[in-house]
Protein backbone atom coordinates (compact mmCIF):
# COMPACT_ATOMS: atom_id res chain seq x y z
CA MET A 1 -3.63 -245.03 -102.75
CA THR A 2 -1.66 -241.84 -102.08
CA GLY A 3 -1.79 -239.84 -98.85
CA ARG A 4 -3.53 -236.99 -100.64
CA ALA A 5 -6.28 -239.43 -101.92
CA LEU A 6 -6.62 -241.01 -98.46
CA ARG A 7 -7.12 -237.60 -96.85
CA HIS A 8 -9.80 -236.67 -99.46
CA LEU A 9 -11.58 -239.99 -98.93
CA PHE A 10 -11.48 -239.59 -95.12
CA ALA A 11 -13.02 -236.08 -95.42
CA LEU A 12 -15.81 -237.30 -97.77
CA ALA A 13 -16.46 -240.22 -95.50
CA LEU A 14 -16.84 -237.86 -92.46
CA GLN A 15 -19.19 -235.69 -94.39
CA TYR A 16 -21.38 -238.23 -96.14
CA THR A 17 -21.22 -241.43 -93.98
CA THR A 18 -21.60 -242.28 -90.33
CA ILE A 19 -18.21 -243.10 -88.78
CA SER A 20 -18.59 -244.19 -85.19
CA ASN A 21 -15.02 -243.37 -84.16
CA PRO A 22 -13.15 -240.93 -86.53
CA LEU A 23 -10.37 -240.32 -83.97
CA ALA A 24 -9.56 -244.11 -83.96
CA ILE A 25 -9.23 -244.18 -87.73
CA TRP A 26 -7.02 -241.04 -87.71
CA GLU A 27 -4.78 -242.58 -85.01
CA SER A 28 -4.54 -245.90 -86.92
CA PHE A 29 -4.16 -244.57 -90.46
CA GLY A 30 -3.03 -240.98 -89.98
CA GLN A 31 0.56 -241.93 -90.96
CA ALA A 32 -0.60 -243.41 -94.21
CA MET A 33 -2.76 -240.28 -94.85
CA CYS A 34 0.36 -238.14 -94.49
CA ASP A 35 2.89 -240.21 -96.45
CA ASP A 36 3.32 -237.44 -99.07
CA ILE A 37 3.73 -234.54 -96.67
CA PRO A 38 7.46 -234.96 -95.83
CA HIS A 39 8.20 -234.41 -99.55
CA ILE A 40 5.86 -231.32 -99.65
CA LEU A 41 7.57 -229.74 -96.66
CA THR A 42 11.04 -230.66 -97.79
CA THR A 43 10.59 -228.90 -101.12
CA GLY A 44 9.94 -225.60 -99.23
CA LYS A 45 6.81 -224.90 -101.12
CA VAL A 46 4.98 -224.73 -97.76
CA PRO A 47 6.96 -222.80 -95.02
CA VAL A 48 6.80 -224.49 -91.65
CA PRO A 49 5.22 -222.01 -89.10
CA PRO A 50 6.93 -220.78 -85.95
CA GLY A 51 6.66 -223.18 -83.00
CA ALA A 52 7.45 -226.31 -85.06
CA GLU A 53 10.37 -227.03 -82.85
CA GLU A 54 8.00 -227.69 -79.97
CA ILE A 55 6.21 -230.53 -81.76
CA VAL A 56 9.11 -232.27 -83.39
CA GLY A 57 8.05 -235.61 -84.82
CA ARG A 58 4.42 -234.36 -85.15
CA ILE A 59 4.80 -231.74 -87.81
CA ASP A 60 3.69 -233.97 -90.67
CA PRO A 61 0.37 -235.14 -89.00
CA ASP A 62 -0.29 -231.57 -87.98
CA TYR A 63 -0.13 -230.40 -91.54
CA GLY A 64 -2.20 -233.42 -92.55
CA LEU A 65 -4.85 -232.32 -90.02
CA PHE A 66 -4.75 -228.77 -91.57
CA LEU A 67 -5.30 -230.21 -95.08
CA ILE A 68 -8.28 -232.30 -93.80
CA GLN A 69 -9.50 -229.18 -92.12
CA GLU A 70 -9.44 -227.30 -95.52
CA TYR A 71 -11.47 -230.18 -97.12
CA LEU A 72 -14.11 -230.03 -94.29
CA SER A 73 -14.29 -226.22 -94.51
CA GLU A 74 -15.86 -226.63 -97.96
CA PHE A 75 -18.83 -228.18 -96.12
CA GLY A 76 -18.77 -225.68 -93.24
CA LYS A 77 -17.28 -228.21 -90.84
CA SER A 78 -14.02 -228.45 -88.81
CA PRO A 79 -12.13 -231.46 -87.37
CA SER A 80 -13.47 -230.86 -83.90
CA ASP A 81 -17.01 -231.42 -85.23
CA TYR A 82 -16.00 -235.05 -85.61
CA GLY A 83 -13.88 -235.41 -82.41
CA LEU A 84 -10.55 -234.89 -84.26
CA PRO A 85 -7.78 -232.64 -82.88
CA GLU A 86 -7.24 -229.21 -84.51
CA PRO A 87 -3.92 -228.30 -86.12
CA LEU A 88 -1.49 -226.97 -83.45
CA LEU A 89 0.47 -224.68 -85.86
CA SER A 90 -0.87 -221.72 -87.75
CA TRP A 91 -0.43 -223.05 -91.25
CA VAL A 92 -2.98 -220.58 -92.75
CA ALA A 93 -1.04 -217.57 -91.68
CA GLN A 94 2.07 -218.96 -93.44
CA GLN A 95 0.57 -219.35 -96.86
CA SER A 96 0.10 -216.75 -99.60
CA ASN A 97 -2.93 -216.88 -101.81
CA GLN A 98 -0.80 -218.85 -104.34
CA ASN A 99 0.01 -221.49 -101.66
CA ILE A 100 -3.34 -222.10 -99.87
CA ALA A 101 -3.91 -225.82 -99.42
CA MET A 102 -6.41 -226.45 -102.27
CA ILE A 103 -4.11 -224.82 -104.84
CA GLU A 104 -1.06 -226.67 -103.38
CA GLU A 105 -2.75 -229.95 -103.92
CA GLU A 106 -3.38 -229.09 -107.55
CA LEU A 107 0.26 -228.00 -107.99
CA ALA A 108 1.75 -231.03 -106.29
CA TYR A 109 2.61 -232.81 -109.49
CA GLU A 110 6.34 -233.24 -110.28
CA PRO A 111 6.90 -231.22 -113.47
CA HIS A 112 9.73 -233.49 -114.55
CA GLN A 113 7.60 -236.60 -114.23
CA GLU A 114 4.73 -234.94 -116.01
CA GLU A 115 7.01 -233.95 -118.90
CA GLU A 116 8.36 -237.49 -119.26
CA ALA A 117 4.75 -238.80 -119.22
CA TYR A 118 3.73 -236.22 -121.87
CA ASN A 119 6.75 -237.08 -124.14
CA ALA A 120 5.78 -240.84 -123.90
CA MET A 121 2.18 -240.20 -124.84
CA LYS A 122 3.10 -237.65 -127.57
CA ALA A 123 4.83 -240.37 -129.52
CA GLN A 124 1.64 -242.45 -129.50
CA VAL A 125 -1.07 -240.00 -130.49
CA ASN A 126 -2.82 -240.45 -133.77
CA PRO A 127 -3.57 -237.50 -136.26
CA GLU A 128 -7.09 -237.04 -134.93
CA GLN A 129 -5.84 -236.86 -131.32
CA LYS A 130 -3.05 -234.50 -132.36
CA ASN A 131 -5.43 -232.11 -134.06
CA CYS A 132 -7.70 -232.02 -131.12
CA PHE A 133 -4.73 -231.53 -128.63
CA GLU A 134 -3.38 -228.60 -130.69
CA GLU A 135 -6.75 -226.99 -130.98
CA ILE A 136 -7.28 -227.14 -127.13
CA VAL A 137 -3.84 -226.12 -126.20
CA ASN A 138 -4.13 -223.13 -128.59
CA ILE A 139 -7.15 -221.91 -126.72
CA VAL A 140 -5.51 -222.38 -123.33
CA GLU A 141 -2.49 -220.34 -124.47
CA GLN A 142 -4.85 -217.58 -125.73
CA TYR A 143 -6.61 -217.62 -122.33
CA GLU A 144 -3.38 -217.45 -120.35
CA SER A 145 -2.14 -214.51 -122.40
CA ASN A 146 -5.48 -212.52 -122.16
CA PRO A 147 -8.03 -214.06 -119.75
CA ARG A 148 -10.49 -211.21 -120.40
CA GLY A 149 -10.16 -211.40 -124.23
CA TYR A 150 -12.42 -213.13 -126.62
CA HIS A 151 -11.76 -216.80 -127.27
CA ARG A 152 -13.89 -219.91 -127.82
CA SER A 153 -13.65 -221.49 -124.37
CA GLY A 154 -15.87 -224.60 -124.68
CA PHE A 155 -15.26 -227.90 -126.46
CA PHE A 156 -17.20 -231.12 -126.73
CA LEU A 157 -15.04 -234.23 -127.53
CA GLN A 158 -17.23 -236.74 -129.29
CA GLY A 159 -15.74 -240.22 -129.52
CA ALA A 160 -17.02 -243.80 -129.29
CA ALA A 161 -15.51 -246.16 -126.69
CA GLY A 162 -11.90 -247.02 -127.56
CA THR A 163 -11.09 -243.91 -129.68
CA GLY A 164 -8.70 -242.56 -127.04
CA LYS A 165 -10.63 -239.80 -125.22
CA THR A 166 -9.11 -240.67 -121.80
CA PHE A 167 -5.64 -240.91 -123.46
CA LEU A 168 -6.03 -237.41 -124.79
CA TYR A 169 -7.21 -236.07 -121.43
CA ASN A 170 -4.11 -237.55 -119.79
CA CYS A 171 -1.95 -236.08 -122.55
CA LEU A 172 -3.36 -232.62 -121.97
CA CYS A 173 -2.97 -232.95 -118.20
CA SER A 174 0.66 -233.89 -118.27
CA TYR A 175 1.52 -231.28 -120.81
CA LEU A 176 0.02 -228.47 -118.78
CA ARG A 177 1.04 -229.71 -115.34
CA ALA A 178 4.57 -229.98 -116.64
CA GLN A 179 4.39 -226.17 -116.91
CA GLY A 180 2.99 -225.75 -113.40
CA LYS A 181 -0.46 -225.05 -114.51
CA ILE A 182 -3.70 -226.20 -112.95
CA VAL A 183 -5.96 -228.63 -114.63
CA LEU A 184 -9.23 -229.69 -112.92
CA CYS A 185 -10.43 -233.15 -114.02
CA VAL A 186 -13.99 -234.17 -113.25
CA ALA A 187 -16.45 -236.88 -114.45
CA SER A 188 -20.10 -237.54 -114.07
CA SER A 189 -19.55 -240.84 -112.19
CA GLY A 190 -16.94 -241.90 -109.56
CA ILE A 191 -15.69 -244.83 -111.71
CA ALA A 192 -15.09 -242.52 -114.67
CA ALA A 193 -13.34 -240.03 -112.33
CA GLN A 194 -10.90 -242.67 -111.23
CA LEU A 195 -9.53 -242.91 -114.82
CA LEU A 196 -8.62 -239.19 -114.84
CA PRO A 197 -5.37 -238.02 -113.07
CA GLY A 198 -6.56 -236.20 -109.95
CA GLY A 199 -10.12 -236.78 -110.98
CA ARG A 200 -13.17 -236.12 -108.88
CA THR A 201 -16.88 -236.26 -109.55
CA ALA A 202 -18.41 -233.10 -110.88
CA HIS A 203 -20.77 -232.82 -107.97
CA SER A 204 -17.87 -233.02 -105.46
CA ARG A 205 -15.57 -230.57 -107.31
CA PHE A 206 -18.15 -227.91 -108.21
CA LYS A 207 -20.57 -228.38 -105.28
CA ILE A 208 -23.50 -229.17 -107.59
CA LEU A 209 -26.75 -229.31 -105.60
CA LEU A 210 -28.24 -232.76 -105.49
CA SER A 211 -31.69 -231.28 -106.02
CA ASN A 212 -30.25 -229.16 -108.85
CA GLY A 213 -32.91 -227.43 -111.01
CA LEU A 214 -33.04 -224.97 -113.92
CA ASN A 215 -31.46 -221.64 -113.23
CA SER A 216 -29.83 -222.88 -110.05
CA LEU A 217 -26.17 -222.18 -108.92
CA CYS A 218 -23.60 -224.26 -107.31
CA ASN A 219 -22.74 -223.95 -103.63
CA ILE A 220 -19.46 -221.96 -104.26
CA SER A 221 -19.05 -218.45 -102.66
CA SER A 222 -16.96 -215.95 -104.60
CA ASN A 223 -14.37 -215.63 -101.84
CA SER A 224 -14.07 -219.29 -100.91
CA PRO A 225 -10.73 -221.32 -101.52
CA LEU A 226 -12.54 -223.38 -104.24
CA ALA A 227 -13.40 -220.09 -106.10
CA HIS A 228 -9.83 -218.93 -105.86
CA LEU A 229 -8.68 -222.31 -107.28
CA ILE A 230 -11.05 -222.08 -110.15
CA ARG A 231 -9.80 -218.59 -110.99
CA LYS A 232 -6.26 -219.97 -111.25
CA THR A 233 -7.19 -222.88 -113.42
CA SER A 234 -5.97 -223.18 -116.93
CA LEU A 235 -8.17 -226.02 -118.13
CA ILE A 236 -11.28 -227.99 -116.99
CA ILE A 237 -11.77 -231.47 -118.29
CA TRP A 238 -15.27 -233.02 -117.82
CA ASP A 239 -15.81 -236.64 -119.01
CA GLU A 240 -18.87 -238.68 -119.61
CA VAL A 241 -21.15 -235.70 -119.86
CA PRO A 242 -23.99 -237.25 -121.91
CA MET A 243 -25.20 -239.20 -118.81
CA GLN A 244 -25.53 -236.01 -116.68
CA HIS A 245 -28.59 -233.72 -116.60
CA LYS A 246 -28.14 -230.56 -118.65
CA SER A 247 -29.00 -228.42 -115.51
CA CYS A 248 -25.75 -229.46 -113.97
CA PHE A 249 -23.76 -227.79 -116.79
CA GLU A 250 -25.92 -224.81 -116.69
CA ALA A 251 -25.42 -224.37 -112.99
CA VAL A 252 -21.68 -224.71 -113.25
CA ASN A 253 -21.57 -222.37 -116.19
CA SER A 254 -23.54 -219.67 -114.32
CA THR A 255 -21.49 -220.15 -111.16
CA LEU A 256 -18.15 -219.92 -112.95
CA ASN A 257 -19.26 -216.77 -114.77
CA ASP A 258 -20.23 -215.23 -111.43
CA ILE A 259 -17.03 -216.09 -109.48
CA CYS A 260 -14.80 -215.06 -112.51
CA HIS A 261 -16.67 -211.86 -112.76
CA VAL A 262 -17.50 -212.14 -116.50
CA SER A 263 -20.63 -211.59 -118.41
CA ASP A 264 -23.54 -214.06 -118.32
CA SER A 265 -23.08 -214.71 -122.05
CA SER A 266 -19.60 -216.13 -121.40
CA LEU A 267 -18.97 -219.86 -121.16
CA PHE A 268 -17.63 -221.38 -117.98
CA GLY A 269 -16.07 -218.10 -116.76
CA LYS A 270 -13.99 -218.02 -119.96
CA ILE A 271 -11.93 -220.86 -118.61
CA PRO A 272 -11.10 -223.34 -121.44
CA THR A 273 -13.29 -226.38 -120.86
CA VAL A 274 -13.32 -229.80 -122.56
CA LEU A 275 -16.53 -231.75 -122.16
CA GLY A 276 -16.37 -235.30 -123.53
CA GLY A 277 -18.37 -238.36 -124.02
CA ASP A 278 -20.37 -240.53 -126.47
CA PHE A 279 -24.13 -239.98 -127.19
CA ALA A 280 -24.36 -243.63 -128.11
CA GLN A 281 -23.99 -244.54 -124.52
CA ILE A 282 -26.07 -243.87 -121.43
CA LEU A 283 -28.20 -240.65 -121.37
CA PRO A 284 -29.36 -238.90 -118.21
CA VAL A 285 -31.67 -240.78 -115.96
CA VAL A 286 -34.95 -239.02 -115.56
CA ARG A 287 -37.19 -240.48 -112.83
CA ARG A 288 -40.36 -241.88 -114.42
CA GLY A 289 -39.44 -239.90 -117.53
CA SER A 290 -40.58 -240.67 -121.06
CA ARG A 291 -38.11 -240.94 -123.93
CA GLN A 292 -38.85 -237.37 -124.85
CA ALA A 293 -38.10 -236.16 -121.25
CA THR A 294 -34.77 -238.09 -121.31
CA VAL A 295 -33.75 -236.56 -124.54
CA GLN A 296 -34.65 -233.11 -123.40
CA ALA A 297 -32.50 -233.57 -120.30
CA CYS A 298 -29.49 -234.19 -122.43
CA ILE A 299 -26.76 -231.47 -122.79
CA ARG A 300 -27.55 -231.28 -126.53
CA HIS A 301 -30.73 -229.50 -125.50
CA SER A 302 -28.94 -227.21 -123.09
CA SER A 303 -28.57 -223.44 -123.60
CA ILE A 304 -24.84 -223.86 -123.74
CA TRP A 305 -24.69 -226.50 -126.46
CA ASN A 306 -24.61 -224.10 -129.53
CA SER A 307 -21.60 -222.31 -127.92
CA LEU A 308 -19.46 -225.52 -127.77
CA GLN A 309 -17.01 -226.45 -130.65
CA VAL A 310 -17.42 -230.15 -131.43
CA LEU A 311 -14.12 -232.14 -131.81
CA ARG A 312 -14.40 -235.76 -133.01
CA LEU A 313 -12.33 -238.86 -132.59
CA LYS A 314 -13.30 -241.68 -134.97
CA THR A 315 -10.35 -244.12 -135.05
CA SER A 316 -10.56 -247.04 -132.66
CA MET A 317 -7.43 -247.43 -130.59
CA ARG A 318 -8.64 -250.54 -128.84
CA ILE A 319 -9.50 -252.92 -131.64
CA GLU A 320 -6.83 -254.25 -133.97
CA ALA A 321 -7.34 -252.93 -137.43
CA ASN A 322 -7.79 -256.17 -139.45
CA ASP A 323 -10.49 -256.75 -141.98
CA SER A 324 -12.87 -258.57 -139.73
CA ASN A 325 -12.60 -256.04 -136.91
CA GLN A 326 -13.07 -253.10 -139.34
CA ILE A 327 -16.37 -254.60 -140.47
CA PHE A 328 -17.56 -254.81 -136.86
CA ILE A 329 -16.33 -251.16 -136.13
CA GLY A 330 -18.33 -250.08 -139.16
CA PHE A 331 -21.47 -251.75 -137.82
CA LEU A 332 -21.01 -250.06 -134.43
CA LYS A 333 -20.55 -246.55 -136.09
CA SER A 334 -23.64 -247.19 -138.12
CA LEU A 335 -25.78 -247.53 -134.95
CA VAL A 336 -24.94 -243.90 -134.19
CA ASN A 337 -24.72 -242.30 -137.64
CA ASP A 338 -27.14 -244.24 -139.89
CA LEU A 339 -30.79 -243.16 -139.53
CA ASN A 340 -31.85 -246.56 -141.00
CA MET A 341 -30.30 -248.28 -137.87
CA TYR A 342 -32.62 -246.35 -135.49
CA GLY A 343 -35.33 -248.53 -133.80
CA LYS A 344 -35.43 -252.32 -134.18
CA ILE A 345 -32.34 -253.66 -135.89
CA SER A 346 -31.13 -256.99 -137.28
CA LEU A 347 -27.79 -258.34 -136.09
CA PRO A 348 -25.16 -259.12 -138.83
CA GLU A 349 -24.74 -262.77 -139.77
CA TYR A 350 -21.28 -262.93 -138.23
CA ILE A 351 -22.72 -262.33 -134.76
CA ARG A 352 -23.74 -265.72 -133.39
CA LYS A 353 -27.25 -265.90 -131.95
CA VAL A 354 -28.95 -268.44 -129.67
CA ALA A 355 -32.56 -269.04 -128.85
CA THR A 356 -32.42 -269.68 -125.08
CA VAL A 357 -30.48 -268.81 -122.01
CA ASP A 358 -29.31 -272.32 -121.57
CA LEU A 359 -27.96 -272.46 -125.11
CA LEU A 360 -26.12 -269.17 -124.41
CA CYS A 361 -24.39 -270.69 -121.32
CA ASP A 362 -23.60 -273.90 -123.13
CA GLN A 363 -21.98 -271.97 -126.06
CA LEU A 364 -19.98 -269.68 -123.89
CA TYR A 365 -19.21 -272.04 -120.98
CA PRO A 366 -19.25 -275.68 -122.25
CA GLN A 367 -19.29 -278.28 -119.47
CA ALA A 368 -15.64 -279.36 -120.26
CA LEU A 369 -14.48 -275.74 -119.61
CA LEU A 370 -16.47 -275.51 -116.26
CA ASP A 371 -14.88 -278.70 -115.08
CA GLU A 372 -11.48 -277.40 -115.87
CA ALA A 373 -12.20 -274.10 -114.09
CA VAL A 374 -12.60 -275.99 -110.76
CA THR A 375 -8.83 -276.54 -110.67
CA SER A 376 -7.55 -273.76 -113.07
CA HIS A 377 -8.16 -270.19 -112.10
CA SER A 378 -7.30 -269.03 -115.64
CA ALA A 379 -9.77 -271.25 -117.57
CA LEU A 380 -12.49 -268.61 -117.77
CA ILE A 381 -10.33 -265.72 -118.67
CA GLY A 382 -11.72 -263.77 -121.60
CA ARG A 383 -15.31 -264.87 -121.26
CA ALA A 384 -18.16 -262.90 -119.78
CA ILE A 385 -21.99 -262.39 -120.05
CA LEU A 386 -23.36 -258.89 -119.78
CA ALA A 387 -26.88 -258.27 -118.43
CA PHE A 388 -29.09 -255.23 -117.69
CA LYS A 389 -30.03 -256.24 -114.19
CA ASN A 390 -28.03 -257.47 -111.12
CA ASP A 391 -30.83 -260.19 -110.58
CA THR A 392 -30.16 -261.60 -114.02
CA VAL A 393 -26.33 -261.67 -113.34
CA THR A 394 -27.01 -263.55 -110.13
CA ASP A 395 -29.22 -266.05 -112.06
CA PHE A 396 -26.43 -266.68 -114.54
CA ASN A 397 -23.83 -267.05 -111.77
CA ASN A 398 -25.91 -269.51 -109.78
CA SER A 399 -26.74 -271.60 -112.80
CA LEU A 400 -23.11 -271.88 -114.00
CA LEU A 401 -21.77 -272.51 -110.41
CA ASP A 402 -24.28 -275.35 -110.07
CA LYS A 403 -22.86 -276.93 -113.23
CA MET A 404 -19.29 -276.25 -112.11
CA TYR A 405 -19.64 -277.94 -108.77
CA ARG A 406 -22.08 -280.62 -109.73
CA THR A 407 -21.95 -283.70 -107.48
CA PRO A 408 -20.34 -286.75 -109.21
CA LEU A 409 -22.72 -289.67 -109.81
């Protein structure tokens, strides 16, 4: 994990968890949290303030404290609130609007490395991904040339698992960051955010209220560092949106229109925005909600949906394109697109079926394989049982472990 990621994690832990001794953590891991700062200061992007000669050897951690302070300021906190020392140097006074800490972090990518990454990915894109890429980049270029002009600023990228949505996001990020542009990557869940370069959860990035309701706004003031960062942004990528409540997108939309000083009829402050996901996967969770309530909470029933241009990825990049796999891919697609497949379905003949849990375990984990697994850590590679509940997973694990470590007669 990079120093930047560690600083962000530390700031979030201070805000959302109970750390008994933050100072001890800083003294123990401060050096790791600042491992990228020597490079930042060496490039000259951030001028070292006067008085640095008096703290030689402590300049890097001092700037690290300043960056942590900037994170905490988003929550109205400071390092001293957690028993941490304040920065000794006046870093704020040395930075122009272009170089405030939050923007610096989004511009910290090496253009040469990003260009190499883009060129490598460019050679692998399929025609569908290329068309989507060109469509999105064209809108970004229109926005850059005339931010106040008319352009369609919202996209929804529809694609099943394995069609290369994340690959396309990475390609877009590298292409634009190689040009020194800012791309904000967010996702509806922390796990999905980890798959995006520089990704964060949407709630964290846009300060969406946890008790978010209709017609609400995010906790971003127009003159805050985050608002300034958003106004400098060239593209927003938001993944796994079908699982998030529509009120989140409406709140972000209204907030961005407000801080970018555009009309309420605009979309996301006119900043090009790519929303992505697959409606065949998890929909929003509505507490004690009926099927109708769950569907109504989806972004497709949001006021912004009709303003989005839908882009589609249909070709699976994950499954080898042989005859048998194509049949299975066709079956998966039919679950989404064929109205006859809605409701109760019958599995195709080529999918093996068993009548009991014990038979499932015996088919997937025969006793000979379990005996081999005791001495060979690779024996069970490529085998797994998926279940809806953790309790069910535990039951499976306990049953199989009992068979694996059975006592010899």
